[in-house]
Amino acid sequence: MSNEEAKDKSPLELHFESEACDIYFNQKLNCVQTLWKGDFSGGQGFHTILNEIINLLEKKKVGLIVADTRKMKLISTADQKWIIEDWYPRALKAGFYCQALIVTVNTFNEMTIKQIVDVYDANKVRTKYFTSYAVFCL
């Protein structure tokens, strides 16, 4: 199989690309999928990425996000506040109801992500944590 044929069979459709994060629509899982790559500055760049997640939730009419956050850098206090007060309510309106978060265990990043998710209404958004795609896809 050629590289082009392999690309055509990939369940991932690229929606947004940046140095910090790529956002895909996963056709097989019918979800928004993110791959955080480590280059991360926060602030407006971070907001742009999360707003693109909302755009894709709305465009594809899906509510599941699978986020590989293993290389994500620490989220600032200001960005945490923005997620909770601004992004989260808009994501709910866009249909967000479930997320699978792939995290690196025992890191500040994992603790920060869990602190943000703890504020979410568990009756509106279900969250599960995984350490790899292999565990998630079982």
C-alpha atoms as a PDB file:
ATOM      1  CA  MET A   1       0.000   0.000   0.000  1.00  0.00           C
ATOM      2  CA  SER A   2       1.357   3.430  -0.949  1.00  0.00           C
ATOM      3  CA  ASN A   3       1.570   6.362   1.457  1.00  0.00           C
ATOM      4  CA  GLU A   4      -1.312   8.043  -0.394  1.00  0.00           C
ATOM      5  CA  GLU A   5      -3.500   4.950  -0.010  1.00  0.00           C
ATOM      6  CA  ALA A   6      -2.624   4.747   3.679  1.00  0.00           C
ATOM      7  CA  LYS A   7      -3.534   8.437   4.096  1.00  0.00           C
ATOM      8  CA  ASP A   8      -6.887   7.883   2.404  1.00  0.00           C
ATOM      9  CA  LYS A   9      -7.688   5.011   4.798  1.00  0.00           C
ATOM     10  CA  SER A  10      -6.713   6.950   7.911  1.00  0.00           C
ATOM     11  CA  PRO A  11      -9.639   7.649  10.209  1.00  0.00           C
ATOM     12  CA  LEU A  12      -8.075  11.029  11.072  1.00  0.00           C
ATOM     13  CA  GLU A  13      -9.104  14.125   9.131  1.00  0.00           C
ATOM     14  CA  LEU A  14      -6.886  17.124   9.972  1.00  0.00           C
ATOM     15  CA  HIS A  15      -8.906  20.174  11.018  1.00  0.00           C
ATOM     16  CA  PHE A  16      -6.285  22.464  12.602  1.00  0.00           C
ATOM     17  CA  GLU A  17      -2.508  22.349  12.885  1.00  0.00           C
ATOM     18  CA  SER A  18      -0.104  24.351  15.032  1.00  0.00           C
ATOM     19  CA  GLU A  19       3.270  23.935  16.691  1.00  0.00           C
ATOM     20  CA  ALA A  20       1.511  23.174  19.974  1.00  0.00           C
ATOM     21  CA  CYS A  21      -1.429  21.001  18.954  1.00  0.00           C
ATOM     22  CA  ASP A  22      -3.046  19.262  16.012  1.00  0.00           C
ATOM     23  CA  ILE A  23      -6.831  18.788  15.957  1.00  0.00           C
ATOM     24  CA  TYR A  24      -8.469  16.013  13.984  1.00  0.00           C
ATOM     25  CA  PHE A  25     -11.883  14.588  13.340  1.00  0.00           C
ATOM     26  CA  ASN A  26     -11.621  10.853  14.013  1.00  0.00           C
ATOM     27  CA  GLN A  27     -14.094   9.247  11.608  1.00  0.00           C
ATOM     28  CA  LYS A  28     -13.808   5.808  13.198  1.00  0.00           C
ATOM     29  CA  LEU A  29     -14.600   7.031  16.729  1.00  0.00           C
ATOM     30  CA  ASN A  30     -16.809   9.943  15.567  1.00  0.00           C
ATOM     31  CA  CYS A  31     -14.991  12.388  17.818  1.00  0.00           C
ATOM     32  CA  VAL A  32     -12.655  15.358  17.998  1.00  0.00           C
ATOM     33  CA  GLN A  33      -9.121  14.141  18.646  1.00  0.00           C
ATOM     34  CA  THR A  34      -6.205  16.311  19.725  1.00  0.00           C
ATOM     35  CA  LEU A  35      -2.488  15.671  19.817  1.00  0.00           C
ATOM     36  CA  TRP A  36      -0.594  18.096  22.034  1.00  0.00           C
ATOM     37  CA  LYS A  37       3.011  18.309  20.848  1.00  0.00           C
ATOM     38  CA  GLY A  38       4.765  20.149  23.669  1.00  0.00           C
ATOM     39  CA  ASP A  39       5.440  23.580  22.121  1.00  0.00           C
ATOM     40  CA  PHE A  40       3.095  25.666  24.182  1.00  0.00           C
ATOM     41  CA  SER A  41       2.914  29.306  25.142  1.00  0.00           C
ATOM     42  CA  GLY A  42      -0.554  29.704  26.615  1.00  0.00           C
ATOM     43  CA  GLY A  43      -2.673  32.802  26.337  1.00  0.00           C
ATOM     44  CA  GLN A  44      -4.206  33.659  22.970  1.00  0.00           C
ATOM     45  CA  GLY A  45      -2.500  30.778  21.156  1.00  0.00           C
ATOM     46  CA  PHE A  46      -3.961  28.329  23.665  1.00  0.00           C
ATOM     47  CA  HIS A  47      -7.394  29.959  23.374  1.00  0.00           C
ATOM     48  CA  THR A  48      -7.245  29.640  19.578  1.00  0.00           C
ATOM     49  CA  ILE A  49      -6.591  25.900  19.859  1.00  0.00           C
ATOM     50  CA  LEU A  50      -9.447  25.319  22.299  1.00  0.00           C
ATOM     51  CA  ASN A  51     -11.789  27.482  20.210  1.00  0.00           C
ATOM     52  CA  GLU A  52     -10.935  25.315  17.184  1.00  0.00           C
ATOM     53  CA  ILE A  53     -12.019  22.279  19.228  1.00  0.00           C
ATOM     54  CA  ILE A  54     -15.412  23.948  19.733  1.00  0.00           C
ATOM     55  CA  ASN A  55     -15.586  24.776  16.020  1.00  0.00           C
ATOM     56  CA  LEU A  56     -15.032  21.125  15.127  1.00  0.00           C
ATOM     57  CA  LEU A  57     -17.549  19.892  17.726  1.00  0.00           C
ATOM     58  CA  GLU A  58     -20.132  22.142  16.076  1.00  0.00           C
ATOM     59  CA  LYS A  59     -19.125  21.374  12.490  1.00  0.00           C
ATOM     60  CA  LYS A  60     -19.224  17.583  12.936  1.00  0.00           C
ATOM     61  CA  LYS A  61     -22.066  17.608  15.481  1.00  0.00           C
ATOM     62  CA  VAL A  62     -20.180  15.406  17.934  1.00  0.00           C
ATOM     63  CA  GLY A  63     -19.671  15.670  21.677  1.00  0.00           C
ATOM     64  CA  LEU A  64     -16.702  13.385  22.395  1.00  0.00           C
ATOM     65  CA  ILE A  65     -13.135  14.672  22.700  1.00  0.00           C
ATOM     66  CA  VAL A  66     -10.125  12.347  22.830  1.00  0.00           C
ATOM     67  CA  ALA A  67      -7.122  14.398  23.923  1.00  0.00           C
ATOM     68  CA  ASP A  68      -3.546  13.151  24.044  1.00  0.00           C
ATOM     69  CA  THR A  69      -2.139  15.556  26.630  1.00  0.00           C
ATOM     70  CA  ARG A  70       1.034  13.616  27.453  1.00  0.00           C
ATOM     71  CA  LYS A  71       3.291  16.313  25.943  1.00  0.00           C
ATOM     72  CA  MET A  72       1.158  19.287  26.939  1.00  0.00           C
ATOM     73  CA  LYS A  73       2.956  21.899  28.996  1.00  0.00           C
ATOM     74  CA  LEU A  74       1.614  23.220  32.294  1.00  0.00           C
ATOM     75  CA  ILE A  75      -1.561  25.294  31.955  1.00  0.00           C
ATOM     76  CA  SER A  76      -1.289  28.729  33.582  1.00  0.00           C
ATOM     77  CA  THR A  77      -3.719  29.844  36.280  1.00  0.00           C
ATOM     78  CA  ALA A  78      -5.158  32.470  33.910  1.00  0.00           C
ATOM     79  CA  ASP A  79      -5.737  29.851  31.199  1.00  0.00           C
ATOM     80  CA  GLN A  80      -7.310  27.463  33.722  1.00  0.00           C
ATOM     81  CA  LYS A  81      -9.723  30.238  34.731  1.00  0.00           C
ATOM     82  CA  TRP A  82     -10.519  30.949  31.060  1.00  0.00           C
ATOM     83  CA  ILE A  83     -11.239  27.260  30.387  1.00  0.00           C
ATOM     84  CA  ILE A  84     -13.639  27.006  33.318  1.00  0.00           C
ATOM     85  CA  GLU A  85     -15.409  30.361  32.921  1.00  0.00           C
ATOM     86  CA  ASP A  86     -15.390  30.881  29.152  1.00  0.00           C
ATOM     87  CA  TRP A  87     -14.500  27.781  27.133  1.00  0.00           C
ATOM     88  CA  TYR A  88     -16.367  25.115  29.129  1.00  0.00           C
ATOM     89  CA  PRO A  89     -19.847  26.748  28.919  1.00  0.00           C
ATOM     90  CA  ARG A  90     -19.393  27.329  25.170  1.00  0.00           C
ATOM     91  CA  ALA A  91     -18.173  23.756  24.665  1.00  0.00           C
ATOM     92  CA  LEU A  92     -21.292  22.447  26.442  1.00  0.00           C
ATOM     93  CA  LYS A  93     -23.475  24.505  24.084  1.00  0.00           C
ATOM     94  CA  ALA A  94     -21.541  22.995  21.158  1.00  0.00           C
ATOM     95  CA  GLY A  95     -22.474  19.486  22.351  1.00  0.00           C
ATOM     96  CA  PHE A  96     -19.474  18.519  24.507  1.00  0.00           C
ATOM     97  CA  TYR A  97     -20.511  15.697  26.832  1.00  0.00           C
ATOM     98  CA  CYS A  98     -17.632  13.214  27.124  1.00  0.00           C
ATOM     99  CA  GLN A  99     -13.840  13.179  27.071  1.00  0.00           C
ATOM    100  CA  ALA A 100     -11.069  10.629  27.139  1.00  0.00           C
ATOM    101  CA  LEU A 101      -7.843  12.202  28.359  1.00  0.00           C
ATOM    102  CA  ILE A 102      -4.537  10.477  27.780  1.00  0.00           C
ATOM    103  CA  VAL A 103      -2.190  11.730  30.481  1.00  0.00           C
ATOM    104  CA  THR A 104       1.290  11.150  31.797  1.00  0.00           C
ATOM    105  CA  VAL A 105       0.836   9.871  35.319  1.00  0.00           C
ATOM    106  CA  ASN A 106       2.249  11.741  38.334  1.00  0.00           C
ATOM    107  CA  THR A 107       3.081  15.017  36.648  1.00  0.00           C
ATOM    108  CA  PHE A 108       2.049  18.609  37.314  1.00  0.00           C
ATOM    109  CA  ASN A 109       0.283  18.492  33.959  1.00  0.00           C
ATOM    110  CA  GLU A 110      -1.883  15.562  35.045  1.00  0.00           C
ATOM    111  CA  MET A 111      -2.731  17.289  38.340  1.00  0.00           C
ATOM    112  CA  THR A 112      -3.631  20.559  36.590  1.00  0.00           C
ATOM    113  CA  ILE A 113      -5.862  18.813  34.049  1.00  0.00           C
ATOM    114  CA  LYS A 114      -7.654  16.926  36.814  1.00  0.00           C
ATOM    115  CA  GLN A 115      -8.158  20.158  38.803  1.00  0.00           C
ATOM    116  CA  ILE A 116      -9.850  21.742  35.788  1.00  0.00           C
ATOM    117  CA  VAL A 117     -12.013  18.684  35.091  1.00  0.00           C
ATOM    118  CA  ASP A 118     -13.049  18.496  38.763  1.00  0.00           C
ATOM    119  CA  VAL A 119     -14.904  21.801  38.240  1.00  0.00           C
ATOM    120  CA  TYR A 120     -16.941  20.352  35.346  1.00  0.00           C
ATOM    121  CA  ASP A 121     -20.435  19.128  36.159  1.00  0.00           C
ATOM    122  CA  ALA A 122     -20.088  15.315  36.156  1.00  0.00           C
ATOM    123  CA  ASN A 123     -23.756  15.072  35.150  1.00  0.00           C
ATOM    124  CA  LYS A 124     -22.986  17.007  31.946  1.00  0.00           C
ATOM    125  CA  VAL A 125     -19.487  15.784  31.019  1.00  0.00           C
ATOM    126  CA  ARG A 126     -18.113  12.300  31.619  1.00  0.00           C
ATOM    127  CA  THR A 127     -14.338  12.054  31.851  1.00  0.00           C
ATOM    128  CA  LYS A 128     -12.063   9.019  31.791  1.00  0.00           C
ATOM    129  CA  TYR A 129      -8.281   9.043  32.084  1.00  0.00           C
ATOM    130  CA  PHE A 130      -5.915   6.762  30.193  1.00  0.00           C
ATOM    131  CA  THR A 131      -2.136   6.413  29.948  1.00  0.00           C
ATOM    132  CA  SER A 132      -2.014   5.447  26.248  1.00  0.00           C
ATOM    133  CA  TYR A 133      -4.136   4.983  23.158  1.00  0.00           C
ATOM    134  CA  ALA A 134      -3.696   1.224  23.536  1.00  0.00           C
ATOM    135  CA  VAL A 135      -5.479   1.264  26.908  1.00  0.00           C
ATOM    136  CA  PHE A 136      -8.154   3.636  25.591  1.00  0.00           C
ATOM    137  CA  CYS A 137      -8.943   1.488  22.560  1.00  0.00           C
ATOM    138  CA  LEU A 138      -9.325  -1.815  24.432  1.00  0.00           C
END
